[in-house]
Amino acid sequence: MKEKLMNIVKFTLVALFLSYYLSATCFYHTHYFTWGVVTHSHLYFPVDKNAVDHTHTQKQCQVISYLSHIVMLCFSLTVFFHGTACVRRLHYFIRFYIPQILSVFQPLRAPPVFLSQ
């Protein structure tokens, strides 16, 4: 049962990634408004490249902007927390393992010294 569920989850994630990738690469388009320009992507089949058969209201563009900001915030937080975790691991490694590794290469006593008189 667990294997079956894992296979379903794997295929669902692959399908989700492919749909996102195709939507982001194949269906991006730009809208020109009096207040600005909005470029985004979603499933959209243009009938004619010169025809204006697809538009968004200003509120819809605000929602697109909010969603983009949320996605970037989540990405930024993920990178930040992953980065701090990596720094902690690196600090731990440097603090505890490097002295042990270096102690292997350090001689136990100084080499003999010959003094001539």
Protein backbone atom coordinates (compact mmCIF):
# COMPACT_ATOMS: atom_id res chain seq x y z
CA MET A 1 0.00 0.00 0.00
CA LYS A 2 2.83 2.37 0.88
CA GLU A 3 4.65 1.63 -2.40
CA LYS A 4 1.50 2.28 -4.38
CA LEU A 5 1.00 5.61 -2.62
CA MET A 6 4.64 6.57 -3.22
CA ASN A 7 4.31 5.76 -6.94
CA ILE A 8 1.19 7.93 -7.17
CA VAL A 9 2.98 10.78 -5.40
CA LYS A 10 6.02 10.44 -7.70
CA PHE A 11 3.94 10.59 -10.87
CA THR A 12 1.85 13.46 -9.50
CA LEU A 13 4.96 15.51 -8.72
CA VAL A 14 6.43 14.80 -12.15
CA ALA A 15 3.15 15.82 -13.81
CA LEU A 16 2.99 18.97 -11.68
CA PHE A 17 6.56 19.93 -12.57
CA LEU A 18 6.02 19.31 -16.29
CA SER A 19 2.78 21.32 -16.34
CA TYR A 20 4.48 24.21 -14.55
CA TYR A 21 7.50 24.08 -16.84
CA LEU A 22 5.37 23.97 -20.00
CA SER A 23 3.12 26.75 -18.76
CA ALA A 24 6.09 28.96 -17.86
CA THR A 25 7.95 28.39 -21.15
CA CYS A 26 5.22 28.05 -23.74
CA PHE A 27 2.46 30.36 -22.55
CA TYR A 28 4.16 33.53 -21.36
CA HIS A 29 2.74 36.75 -22.72
CA THR A 30 2.78 40.49 -22.07
CA HIS A 31 -0.07 42.89 -21.42
CA TYR A 32 0.34 46.62 -22.02
CA PHE A 33 -1.78 48.89 -19.86
CA THR A 34 -1.84 52.65 -19.39
CA TRP A 35 -0.44 52.18 -15.87
CA GLY A 36 2.27 49.66 -16.75
CA VAL A 37 3.34 46.44 -18.42
CA VAL A 38 2.63 42.95 -17.04
CA THR A 39 4.44 39.85 -18.30
CA HIS A 40 3.30 36.51 -16.93
CA SER A 41 2.44 32.99 -17.97
CA HIS A 42 -0.57 30.74 -17.72
CA LEU A 43 -2.38 28.33 -20.00
CA TYR A 44 -3.50 30.48 -22.90
CA PHE A 45 -3.93 29.70 -26.57
CA PRO A 46 -3.78 32.87 -28.68
CA VAL A 47 -6.11 32.84 -31.66
CA ASP A 48 -4.31 35.61 -33.50
CA LYS A 49 -1.09 37.32 -32.44
CA ASN A 50 -2.41 40.75 -33.40
CA ALA A 51 -5.88 40.32 -31.91
CA VAL A 52 -6.64 41.47 -28.38
CA ASP A 53 -8.70 38.49 -27.26
CA HIS A 54 -7.12 38.04 -23.84
CA THR A 55 -6.84 40.67 -21.14
CA HIS A 56 -6.77 41.07 -17.39
CA THR A 57 -8.26 43.66 -15.08
CA GLN A 58 -6.11 45.71 -12.75
CA LYS A 59 -7.22 43.60 -9.77
CA GLN A 60 -6.24 40.40 -11.57
CA CYS A 61 -2.80 41.88 -12.23
CA GLN A 62 -2.53 42.76 -8.53
CA VAL A 63 -3.34 39.14 -7.62
CA ILE A 64 -0.66 37.97 -10.07
CA SER A 65 1.79 40.36 -8.41
CA TYR A 66 0.87 39.16 -4.91
CA LEU A 67 1.27 35.51 -5.93
CA SER A 68 4.68 36.26 -7.47
CA HIS A 69 5.77 38.01 -4.28
CA ILE A 70 4.59 35.09 -2.13
CA VAL A 71 6.48 32.58 -4.30
CA MET A 72 9.66 34.68 -4.18
CA LEU A 73 9.32 35.15 -0.41
CA CYS A 74 8.99 31.39 0.13
CA PHE A 75 11.98 30.77 -2.13
CA SER A 76 14.05 33.41 -0.32
CA LEU A 77 13.20 32.02 3.11
CA THR A 78 14.03 28.50 1.98
CA VAL A 79 17.41 29.59 0.63
CA PHE A 80 18.11 31.63 3.78
CA PHE A 81 17.28 28.82 6.21
CA HIS A 82 19.10 26.23 4.12
CA GLY A 83 22.11 28.53 3.94
CA THR A 84 22.18 29.09 7.70
CA ALA A 85 21.90 25.33 8.27
CA CYS A 86 24.87 24.78 5.92
CA VAL A 87 26.89 27.43 7.77
CA ARG A 88 26.10 25.75 11.10
CA ARG A 89 27.21 22.39 9.76
CA LEU A 90 30.39 23.92 8.37
CA HIS A 91 31.10 25.64 11.69
CA TYR A 92 30.57 22.37 13.54
CA PHE A 93 32.89 20.57 11.12
CA ILE A 94 35.60 23.22 11.45
CA ARG A 95 35.33 23.39 15.22
CA PHE A 96 35.33 19.67 16.00
CA TYR A 97 36.83 17.74 13.11
CA ILE A 98 39.57 19.96 11.69
CA PRO A 99 41.64 19.94 14.94
CA GLN A 100 41.39 16.15 15.05
CA ILE A 101 42.46 15.85 11.43
CA LEU A 102 45.35 18.28 11.89
CA SER A 103 46.52 16.51 15.05
CA VAL A 104 47.33 13.45 12.95
CA PHE A 105 49.81 15.44 10.87
CA GLN A 106 51.47 17.26 13.77
CA PRO A 107 54.63 15.63 15.10
CA LEU A 108 54.64 14.46 18.70
CA ARG A 109 57.96 16.10 19.54
CA ALA A 110 60.29 18.61 18.07
CA PRO A 111 63.11 17.38 15.84
CA PRO A 112 66.53 17.12 17.49
CA VAL A 113 68.68 20.20 17.51
CA PHE A 114 72.47 19.99 17.17
CA LEU A 115 74.36 22.76 18.85
CA SER A 116 77.92 23.27 17.86
CA GLN A 117 80.41 24.93 20.20
